[in-house]
């Protein structure tokens, strides 16, 4: 007997935090690849995006454990927390 395959909710898997985390990983990789040609200045990209990556993954894991069913609520909370983190980051240097 075959068991029914559970339906994958791609909106839950590819949540805003995961999409932003992928962007952060790409930015970190580009910074690392340009490290030699920028004479070390692209290391700032790694320094800036690594905390974002860690914060995004932490938010994503915690929210997916807490919010098990409602994908819309998950998206709204993640988007608002991403905006909040960006505003905090920008206000730190203003």
PDB file of N, CA and C in Angstrom:
ATOM      1  N   UNK A   1       0.830  -1.171   0.000  1.00  0.00           N
ATOM      2  CA  UNK A   1       0.000   0.000   0.000  1.00  0.00           C
ATOM      3  C   UNK A   1       0.883   1.245   0.000  1.00  0.00           C
ATOM      4  N   UNK A   2       0.466   2.170  -0.776  1.00  0.00           N
ATOM      5  CA  UNK A   2       1.227   3.417  -0.824  1.00  0.00           C
ATOM      6  C   UNK A   2       0.534   4.477   0.019  1.00  0.00           C
ATOM      7  N   UNK A   3       1.349   5.177   0.750  1.00  0.00           N
ATOM      8  CA  UNK A   3       0.808   6.250   1.573  1.00  0.00           C
ATOM      9  C   UNK A   3       0.655   7.503   0.720  1.00  0.00           C
ATOM     10  N   UNK A   4      -0.339   8.318   1.003  1.00  0.00           N
ATOM     11  CA  UNK A   4      -0.488   9.552   0.229  1.00  0.00           C
ATOM     12  C   UNK A   4       0.669  10.502   0.509  1.00  0.00           C
ATOM     13  N   UNK A   5       1.162  11.091  -0.551  1.00  0.00           N
ATOM     14  CA  UNK A   5       2.276  12.031  -0.421  1.00  0.00           C
ATOM     15  C   UNK A   5       1.741  13.352   0.119  1.00  0.00           C
ATOM     16  N   UNK A   6       2.343  13.872   1.185  1.00  0.00           N
ATOM     17  CA  UNK A   6       1.846  15.143   1.721  1.00  0.00           C
ATOM     18  C   UNK A   6       2.089  16.274   0.722  1.00  0.00           C
ATOM     19  N   UNK A   7       1.138  17.167   0.691  1.00  0.00           N
ATOM     20  CA  UNK A   7       1.217  18.293  -0.224  1.00  0.00           C
ATOM     21  C   UNK A   7       2.255  19.294   0.293  1.00  0.00           C
ATOM     22  N   UNK A   8       3.120  19.769  -0.624  1.00  0.00           N
ATOM     23  CA  UNK A   8       4.130  20.753  -0.238  1.00  0.00           C
ATOM     24  C   UNK A   8       3.573  22.149  -0.430  1.00  0.00           C
ATOM     25  N   UNK A   9       3.726  22.952   0.582  1.00  0.00           N
ATOM     26  CA  UNK A   9       3.282  24.331   0.513  1.00  0.00           C
ATOM     27  C   UNK A   9       4.496  25.192   0.168  1.00  0.00           C
ATOM     28  N   UNK A  10       4.671  25.500  -1.110  1.00  0.00           N
ATOM     29  CA  UNK A  10       5.862  26.215  -1.559  1.00  0.00           C
ATOM     30  C   UNK A  10       5.904  27.635  -1.036  1.00  0.00           C
ATOM     31  N   UNK A  11       4.756  28.241  -0.765  1.00  0.00           N
ATOM     32  CA  UNK A  11       4.769  29.583  -0.176  1.00  0.00           C
ATOM     33  C   UNK A  11       5.302  29.542   1.251  1.00  0.00           C
ATOM     34  N   UNK A  12       5.115  28.435   1.921  1.00  0.00           N
ATOM     35  CA  UNK A  12       5.655  28.296   3.277  1.00  0.00           C
ATOM     36  C   UNK A  12       7.152  27.992   3.240  1.00  0.00           C
ATOM     37  N   UNK A  13       7.562  27.175   2.277  1.00  0.00           N
ATOM     38  CA  UNK A  13       8.977  26.820   2.170  1.00  0.00           C
ATOM     39  C   UNK A  13       9.798  28.029   1.721  1.00  0.00           C
ATOM     40  N   UNK A  14       9.333  28.714   0.692  1.00  0.00           N
ATOM     41  CA  UNK A  14      10.049  29.885   0.165  1.00  0.00           C
ATOM     42  C   UNK A  14       9.465  31.164   0.770  1.00  0.00           C
ATOM     43  N   UNK A  15       9.590  31.278   2.056  1.00  0.00           N
ATOM     44  CA  UNK A  15       9.062  32.436   2.777  1.00  0.00           C
ATOM     45  C   UNK A  15       9.975  33.648   2.561  1.00  0.00           C
ATOM     46  N   UNK A  16       9.526  34.841   2.934  1.00  0.00           N
ATOM     47  CA  UNK A  16      10.343  36.047   2.723  1.00  0.00           C
ATOM     48  C   UNK A  16      11.719  35.979   3.380  1.00  0.00           C
ATOM     49  N   UNK A  17      11.810  35.380   4.543  1.00  0.00           N
ATOM     50  CA  UNK A  17      13.123  35.272   5.198  1.00  0.00           C
ATOM     51  C   UNK A  17      14.065  34.376   4.408  1.00  0.00           C
ATOM     52  N   UNK A  18      13.543  33.312   3.831  1.00  0.00           N
ATOM     53  CA  UNK A  18      14.383  32.427   3.027  1.00  0.00           C
ATOM     54  C   UNK A  18      14.826  33.139   1.751  1.00  0.00           C
ATOM     55  N   UNK A  19      13.919  33.878   1.120  1.00  0.00           N
ATOM     56  CA  UNK A  19      14.288  34.614  -0.093  1.00  0.00           C
ATOM     57  C   UNK A  19      15.356  35.663   0.203  1.00  0.00           C
ATOM     58  N   UNK A  20      15.211  36.369   1.311  1.00  0.00           N
ATOM     59  CA  UNK A  20      16.226  37.358   1.694  1.00  0.00           C
ATOM     60  C   UNK A  20      17.530  36.686   2.108  1.00  0.00           C
ATOM     61  N   UNK A  21      17.444  35.515   2.712  1.00  0.00           N
ATOM     62  CA  UNK A  21      18.650  34.778   3.089  1.00  0.00           C
ATOM     63  C   UNK A  21      19.412  34.332   1.845  1.00  0.00           C
ATOM     64  N   UNK A  22      18.692  33.918   0.806  1.00  0.00           N
ATOM     65  CA  UNK A  22      19.349  33.549  -0.450  1.00  0.00           C
ATOM     66  C   UNK A  22      20.050  34.771  -1.043  1.00  0.00           C
ATOM     67  N   UNK A  23      19.386  35.923  -1.008  1.00  0.00           N
ATOM     68  CA  UNK A  23      20.014  37.160  -1.479  1.00  0.00           C
ATOM     69  C   UNK A  23      21.275  37.471  -0.668  1.00  0.00           C
ATOM     70  N   UNK A  24      21.223  37.266   0.651  1.00  0.00           N
ATOM     71  CA  UNK A  24      22.386  37.513   1.500  1.00  0.00           C
ATOM     72  C   UNK A  24      23.532  36.564   1.173  1.00  0.00           C
ATOM     73  N   UNK A  25      23.219  35.305   0.921  1.00  0.00           N
ATOM     74  CA  UNK A  25      24.264  34.335   0.569  1.00  0.00           C
ATOM     75  C   UNK A  25      24.916  34.722  -0.754  1.00  0.00           C
ATOM     76  N   UNK A  26      24.106  35.138  -1.728  1.00  0.00           N
ATOM     77  CA  UNK A  26      24.659  35.569  -3.015  1.00  0.00           C
ATOM     78  C   UNK A  26      25.551  36.788  -2.827  1.00  0.00           C
ATOM     79  N   UNK A  27      25.113  37.746  -2.012  1.00  0.00           N
ATOM     80  CA  UNK A  27      25.923  38.942  -1.756  1.00  0.00           C
ATOM     81  C   UNK A  27      27.229  38.578  -1.051  1.00  0.00           C
ATOM     82  N   UNK A  28      27.187  37.642  -0.121  1.00  0.00           N
ATOM     83  CA  UNK A  28      28.404  37.207   0.573  1.00  0.00           C
ATOM     84  C   UNK A  28      29.351  36.511  -0.397  1.00  0.00           C
ATOM     85  N   UNK A  29      28.810  35.657  -1.260  1.00  0.00           N
ATOM     86  CA  UNK A  29      29.657  34.963  -2.232  1.00  0.00           C
ATOM     87  C   UNK A  29      30.297  35.937  -3.220  1.00  0.00           C
ATOM     88  N   UNK A  30      29.533  36.909  -3.696  1.00  0.00           N
ATOM     89  CA  UNK A  30      30.090  37.911  -4.607  1.00  0.00           C
ATOM     90  C   UNK A  30      31.185  38.716  -3.909  1.00  0.00           C
ATOM     91  N   UNK A  31      30.944  39.068  -2.651  1.00  0.00           N
ATOM     92  CA  UNK A  31      31.965  39.809  -1.892  1.00  0.00           C
ATOM     93  C   UNK A  31      33.231  38.986  -1.714  1.00  0.00           C
ATOM     94  N   UNK A  32      33.063  37.701  -1.442  1.00  0.00           N
ATOM     95  CA  UNK A  32      34.235  36.842  -1.268  1.00  0.00           C
ATOM     96  C   UNK A  32      35.000  36.666  -2.579  1.00  0.00           C
ATOM     97  N   UNK A  33      34.273  36.567  -3.696  1.00  0.00           N
ATOM     98  CA  UNK A  33      34.941  36.401  -4.987  1.00  0.00           C
ATOM     99  C   UNK A  33      35.683  37.664  -5.419  1.00  0.00           C
ATOM    100  N   UNK A  34      35.215  38.828  -5.004  1.00  0.00           N
ATOM    101  CA  UNK A  34      35.855  40.077  -5.383  1.00  0.00           C
ATOM    102  C   UNK A  34      36.837  40.580  -4.328  1.00  0.00           C
ATOM    103  N   UNK A  35      37.170  39.732  -3.384  1.00  0.00           N
ATOM    104  CA  UNK A  35      38.029  40.145  -2.279  1.00  0.00           C
ATOM    105  C   UNK A  35      39.404  40.586  -2.756  1.00  0.00           C
ATOM    106  N   UNK A  36      39.979  39.845  -3.685  1.00  0.00           N
ATOM    107  CA  UNK A  36      41.327  40.167  -4.152  1.00  0.00           C
ATOM    108  C   UNK A  36      41.337  41.428  -5.015  1.00  0.00           C
ATOM    109  N   UNK A  37      40.345  41.551  -5.903  1.00  0.00           N
ATOM    110  CA  UNK A  37      40.335  42.709  -6.809  1.00  0.00           C
ATOM    111  C   UNK A  37      39.960  44.007  -6.106  1.00  0.00           C
ATOM    112  N   UNK A  38      39.274  43.912  -4.981  1.00  0.00           N
ATOM    113  CA  UNK A  38      38.884  45.129  -4.265  1.00  0.00           C
ATOM    114  C   UNK A  38      39.892  45.497  -3.179  1.00  0.00           C
ATOM    115  N   UNK A  39      40.963  44.766  -3.089  1.00  0.00           N
ATOM    116  CA  UNK A  39      42.018  44.973  -2.095  1.00  0.00           C
ATOM    117  C   UNK A  39      41.469  44.899  -0.672  1.00  0.00           C
ATOM    118  N   UNK A  40      40.515  44.021  -0.457  1.00  0.00           N
ATOM    119  CA  UNK A  40      39.985  43.786   0.881  1.00  0.00           C
ATOM    120  C   UNK A  40      38.729  44.550   1.221  1.00  0.00           C
ATOM    121  N   UNK A  41      38.331  45.502   0.390  1.00  0.00           N
ATOM    122  CA  UNK A  41      37.157  46.313   0.709  1.00  0.00           C
ATOM    123  C   UNK A  41      35.864  45.530   0.619  1.00  0.00           C
ATOM    124  N   UNK A  42      35.815  44.503  -0.186  1.00  0.00           N
ATOM    125  CA  UNK A  42      34.574  43.735  -0.303  1.00  0.00           C
ATOM    126  C   UNK A  42      34.320  42.862   0.929  1.00  0.00           C
ATOM    127  N   UNK A  43      35.292  42.785   1.823  1.00  0.00           N
ATOM    128  CA  UNK A  43      35.071  42.097   3.089  1.00  0.00           C
ATOM    129  C   UNK A  43      33.966  42.793   3.884  1.00  0.00           C
ATOM    130  N   UNK A  44      33.768  44.083   3.638  1.00  0.00           N
ATOM    131  CA  UNK A  44      32.678  44.804   4.294  1.00  0.00           C
ATOM    132  C   UNK A  44      31.326  44.211   3.905  1.00  0.00           C
ATOM    133  N   UNK A  45      31.202  43.721   2.682  1.00  0.00           N
ATOM    134  CA  UNK A  45      29.966  43.055   2.275  1.00  0.00           C
ATOM    135  C   UNK A  45      29.691  41.820   3.113  1.00  0.00           C
ATOM    136  N   UNK A  46      30.728  41.068   3.401  1.00  0.00           N
ATOM    137  CA  UNK A  46      30.573  39.883   4.253  1.00  0.00           C
ATOM    138  C   UNK A  46      30.204  40.312   5.665  1.00  0.00           C
ATOM    139  N   UNK A  47      30.855  41.346   6.164  1.00  0.00           N
ATOM    140  CA  UNK A  47      30.591  41.825   7.518  1.00  0.00           C
ATOM    141  C   UNK A  47      29.167  42.357   7.641  1.00  0.00           C
ATOM    142  N   UNK A  48      28.668  42.987   6.594  1.00  0.00           N
ATOM    143  CA  UNK A  48      27.318  43.545   6.634  1.00  0.00           C
ATOM    144  C   UNK A  48      26.260  42.453   6.462  1.00  0.00           C
ATOM    145  N   UNK A  49      26.451  41.539   5.517  1.00  0.00           N
ATOM    146  CA  UNK A  49      25.400  40.577   5.190  1.00  0.00           C
ATOM    147  C   UNK A  49      25.387  39.343   6.076  1.00  0.00           C
ATOM    148  N   UNK A  50      26.474  39.011   6.737  1.00  0.00           N
ATOM    149  CA  UNK A  50      26.476  37.827   7.590  1.00  0.00           C
ATOM    150  C   UNK A  50      25.527  37.959   8.783  1.00  0.00           C
ATOM    151  N   UNK A  51      25.506  39.098   9.497  1.00  0.00           N
ATOM    152  CA  UNK A  51      24.502  39.226  10.569  1.00  0.00           C
ATOM    153  C   UNK A  51      23.070  39.181  10.037  1.00  0.00           C
ATOM    154  N   UNK A  52      22.829  39.797   8.866  1.00  0.00           N
ATOM    155  CA  UNK A  52      21.501  39.715   8.260  1.00  0.00           C
ATOM    156  C   UNK A  52      21.115  38.260   8.019  1.00  0.00           C
ATOM    157  N   UNK A  53      22.045  37.484   7.488  1.00  0.00           N
ATOM    158  CA  UNK A  53      21.775  36.084   7.197  1.00  0.00           C
ATOM    159  C   UNK A  53      21.429  35.320   8.471  1.00  0.00           C
ATOM    160  N   UNK A  54      22.193  35.516   9.516  1.00  0.00           N
ATOM    161  CA  UNK A  54      21.931  34.821  10.777  1.00  0.00           C
ATOM    162  C   UNK A  54      20.600  35.240  11.391  1.00  0.00           C
ATOM    163  N   UNK A  55      20.300  36.540  11.348  1.00  0.00           N
ATOM    164  CA  UNK A  55      19.026  37.032  11.887  1.00  0.00           C
ATOM    165  C   UNK A  55      17.856  36.478  11.081  1.00  0.00           C
ATOM    166  N   UNK A  56      17.974  36.490   9.759  1.00  0.00           N
ATOM    167  CA  UNK A  56      16.893  35.992   8.904  1.00  0.00           C
ATOM    168  C   UNK A  56      16.618  34.515   9.135  1.00  0.00           C
ATOM    169  N   UNK A  57      17.661  33.714   9.218  1.00  0.00           N
ATOM    170  CA  UNK A  57      17.464  32.285   9.433  1.00  0.00           C
ATOM    171  C   UNK A  57      16.885  31.992  10.813  1.00  0.00           C
ATOM    172  N   UNK A  58      17.304  32.759  11.813  1.00  0.00           N
ATOM    173  CA  UNK A  58      16.758  32.584  13.153  1.00  0.00           C
ATOM    174  C   UNK A  58      15.274  32.935  13.188  1.00  0.00           C
ATOM    175  N   UNK A  59      14.924  34.073  12.590  1.00  0.00           N
ATOM    176  CA  UNK A  59      13.512  34.478  12.530  1.00  0.00           C
ATOM    177  C   UNK A  59      12.696  33.418  11.812  1.00  0.00           C
ATOM    178  N   UNK A  60      13.206  32.914  10.696  1.00  0.00           N
ATOM    179  CA  UNK A  60      12.468  31.929   9.910  1.00  0.00           C
ATOM    180  C   UNK A  60      12.232  30.647  10.692  1.00  0.00           C
ATOM    181  N   UNK A  61      13.252  30.144  11.339  1.00  0.00           N
ATOM    182  CA  UNK A  61      13.119  28.890  12.083  1.00  0.00           C
ATOM    183  C   UNK A  61      12.148  29.052  13.246  1.00  0.00           C
ATOM    184  N   UNK A  62      12.290  30.143  14.001  1.00  0.00           N
ATOM    185  CA  UNK A  62      11.417  30.360  15.158  1.00  0.00           C
ATOM    186  C   UNK A  62       9.959  30.505  14.720  1.00  0.00           C
ATOM    187  N   UNK A  63       9.717  31.302  13.685  1.00  0.00           N
ATOM    188  CA  UNK A  63       8.339  31.517  13.250  1.00  0.00           C
ATOM    189  C   UNK A  63       7.717  30.255  12.651  1.00  0.00           C
ATOM    190  N   UNK A  64       8.495  29.464  11.946  1.00  0.00           N
ATOM    191  CA  UNK A  64       7.935  28.235  11.373  1.00  0.00           C
ATOM    192  C   UNK A  64       7.635  27.196  12.445  1.00  0.00           C
ATOM    193  N   UNK A  65       8.342  27.262  13.568  1.00  0.00           N
ATOM    194  CA  UNK A  65       8.024  26.360  14.671  1.00  0.00           C
ATOM    195  C   UNK A  65       6.772  26.839  15.397  1.00  0.00           C
ATOM    196  N   UNK A  66       6.653  28.150  15.575  1.00  0.00           N
ATOM    197  CA  UNK A  66       5.515  28.708  16.313  1.00  0.00           C
ATOM    198  C   UNK A  66       4.245  28.698  15.467  1.00  0.00           C
ATOM    199  N   UNK A  67       4.341  29.155  14.219  1.00  0.00           N
ATOM    200  CA  UNK A  67       3.168  29.245  13.335  1.00  0.00           C
ATOM    201  C   UNK A  67       3.183  28.034  12.412  1.00  0.00           C
ATOM    202  N   UNK A  68       2.363  27.066  12.723  1.00  0.00           N
ATOM    203  CA  UNK A  68       2.409  25.806  11.976  1.00  0.00           C
ATOM    204  C   UNK A  68       1.460  25.778  10.784  1.00  0.00           C
ATOM    205  N   UNK A  69       0.358  26.505  10.830  1.00  0.00           N
ATOM    206  CA  UNK A  69      -0.675  26.321   9.820  1.00  0.00           C
ATOM    207  C   UNK A  69      -0.833  27.519   8.890  1.00  0.00           C
ATOM    208  N   UNK A  70      -0.920  28.709   9.430  1.00  0.00           N
ATOM    209  CA  UNK A  70      -1.327  29.880   8.667  1.00  0.00           C
ATOM    210  C   UNK A  70      -0.146  30.496   7.908  1.00  0.00           C
ATOM    211  N   UNK A  71      -0.089  30.258   6.602  1.00  0.00           N
ATOM    212  CA  UNK A  71       1.009  30.751   5.775  1.00  0.00           C
ATOM    213  C   UNK A  71       0.931  32.264   5.580  1.00  0.00           C
ATOM    214  N   UNK A  72      -0.279  32.789   5.438  1.00  0.00           N
ATOM    215  CA  UNK A  72      -0.447  34.230   5.266  1.00  0.00           C
ATOM    216  C   UNK A  72       0.072  34.988   6.486  1.00  0.00           C
ATOM    217  N   UNK A  73      -0.253  34.512   7.665  1.00  0.00           N
ATOM    218  CA  UNK A  73       0.234  35.141   8.890  1.00  0.00           C
ATOM    219  C   UNK A  73       1.756  35.063   8.972  1.00  0.00           C
ATOM    220  N   UNK A  74       2.313  33.932   8.575  1.00  0.00           N
ATOM    221  CA  UNK A  74       3.770  33.766   8.556  1.00  0.00           C
ATOM    222  C   UNK A  74       4.414  34.796   7.645  1.00  0.00           C
ATOM    223  N   UNK A  75       3.869  34.970   6.430  1.00  0.00           N
ATOM    224  CA  UNK A  75       4.413  35.943   5.477  1.00  0.00           C
ATOM    225  C   UNK A  75       4.309  37.362   6.020  1.00  0.00           C
ATOM    226  N   UNK A  76       3.169  37.725   6.597  1.00  0.00           N
ATOM    227  CA  UNK A  76       2.993  39.088   7.118  1.00  0.00           C
ATOM    228  C   UNK A  76       3.960  39.379   8.262  1.00  0.00           C
ATOM    229  N   UNK A  77       4.120  38.442   9.157  1.00  0.00           N
ATOM    230  CA  UNK A  77       5.040  38.645  10.282  1.00  0.00           C
ATOM    231  C   UNK A  77       6.484  38.703   9.790  1.00  0.00           C
ATOM    232  N   UNK A  78       6.863  37.823   8.875  1.00  0.00           N
ATOM    233  CA  UNK A  78       8.238  37.832   8.378  1.00  0.00           C
ATOM    234  C   UNK A  78       8.554  39.115   7.618  1.00  0.00           C
ATOM    235  N   UNK A  79       7.639  39.576   6.780  1.00  0.00           N
ATOM    236  CA  UNK A  79       7.881  40.828   6.043  1.00  0.00           C
ATOM    237  C   UNK A  79       8.009  41.991   7.003  1.00  0.00           C
ATOM    238  N   UNK A  80       7.141  42.058   8.004  1.00  0.00           N
ATOM    239  CA  UNK A  80       7.227  43.173   8.950  1.00  0.00           C
ATOM    240  C   UNK A  80       8.507  43.099   9.781  1.00  0.00           C
ATOM    241  N   UNK A  81       8.961  41.904  10.149  1.00  0.00           N
ATOM    242  CA  UNK A  81      10.211  41.789  10.902  1.00  0.00           C
ATOM    243  C   UNK A  81      11.432  42.114  10.040  1.00  0.00           C
ATOM    244  N   UNK A  82      11.391  41.766   8.760  1.00  0.00           N
ATOM    245  CA  UNK A  82      12.487  42.123   7.853  1.00  0.00           C
ATOM    246  C   UNK A  82      12.584  43.638   7.720  1.00  0.00           C
ATOM    247  N   UNK A  83      11.445  44.294   7.539  1.00  0.00           N
ATOM    248  CA  UNK A  83      11.432  45.759   7.439  1.00  0.00           C
ATOM    249  C   UNK A  83      11.938  46.370   8.740  1.00  0.00           C
ATOM    250  N   UNK A  84      11.537  45.809   9.884  1.00  0.00           N
ATOM    251  CA  UNK A  84      11.978  46.310  11.183  1.00  0.00           C
ATOM    252  C   UNK A  84      13.496  46.185  11.345  1.00  0.00           C
ATOM    253  N   UNK A  85      14.061  45.046  10.947  1.00  0.00           N
ATOM    254  CA  UNK A  85      15.514  44.850  11.050  1.00  0.00           C
ATOM    255  C   UNK A  85      16.256  45.820  10.134  1.00  0.00           C
ATOM    256  N   UNK A  86      15.741  46.040   8.934  1.00  0.00           N
ATOM    257  CA  UNK A  86      16.390  46.978   8.008  1.00  0.00           C
ATOM    258  C   UNK A  86      16.324  48.393   8.556  1.00  0.00           C
ATOM    259  N   UNK A  87      15.187  48.790   9.118  1.00  0.00           N
ATOM    260  CA  UNK A  87      15.066  50.130   9.701  1.00  0.00           C
ATOM    261  C   UNK A  87      16.025  50.289  10.879  1.00  0.00           C
ATOM    262  N   UNK A  88      16.130  49.273  11.727  1.00  0.00           N
ATOM    263  CA  UNK A  88      17.089  49.339  12.841  1.00  0.00           C
ATOM    264  C   UNK A  88      18.519  49.468  12.327  1.00  0.00           C
ATOM    265  N   UNK A  89      18.846  48.706  11.288  1.00  0.00           N
ATOM    266  CA  UNK A  89      20.187  48.746  10.729  1.00  0.00           C
ATOM    267  C   UNK A  89      20.496  50.115  10.134  1.00  0.00           C
ATOM    268  N   UNK A  90      19.535  50.696   9.425  1.00  0.00           N
ATOM    269  CA  UNK A  90      19.760  52.006   8.802  1.00  0.00           C
ATOM    270  C   UNK A  90      19.807  53.127   9.828  1.00  0.00           C
ATOM    271  N   UNK A  91      19.019  53.025  10.872  1.00  0.00           N
ATOM    272  CA  UNK A  91      19.005  54.076  11.900  1.00  0.00           C
ATOM    273  C   UNK A  91      20.234  54.035  12.807  1.00  0.00           C
ATOM    274  N   UNK A  92      20.947  52.959  12.779  1.00  0.00           N
ATOM    275  CA  UNK A  92      22.155  52.858  13.599  1.00  0.00           C
ATOM    276  C   UNK A  92      23.219  53.864  13.161  1.00  0.00           C
ATOM    277  N   UNK A  93      23.274  54.163  11.857  1.00  0.00           N
ATOM    278  CA  UNK A  93      24.294  55.071  11.356  1.00  0.00           C
ATOM    279  C   UNK A  93      23.758  56.455  11.004  1.00  0.00           C
ATOM    280  N   UNK A  94      22.553  56.742  11.347  1.00  0.00           N
ATOM    281  CA  UNK A  94      22.001  58.090  11.075  1.00  0.00           C
ATOM    282  C   UNK A  94      21.985  58.945  12.299  1.00  0.00           C
TER     283      UNK A  94
END
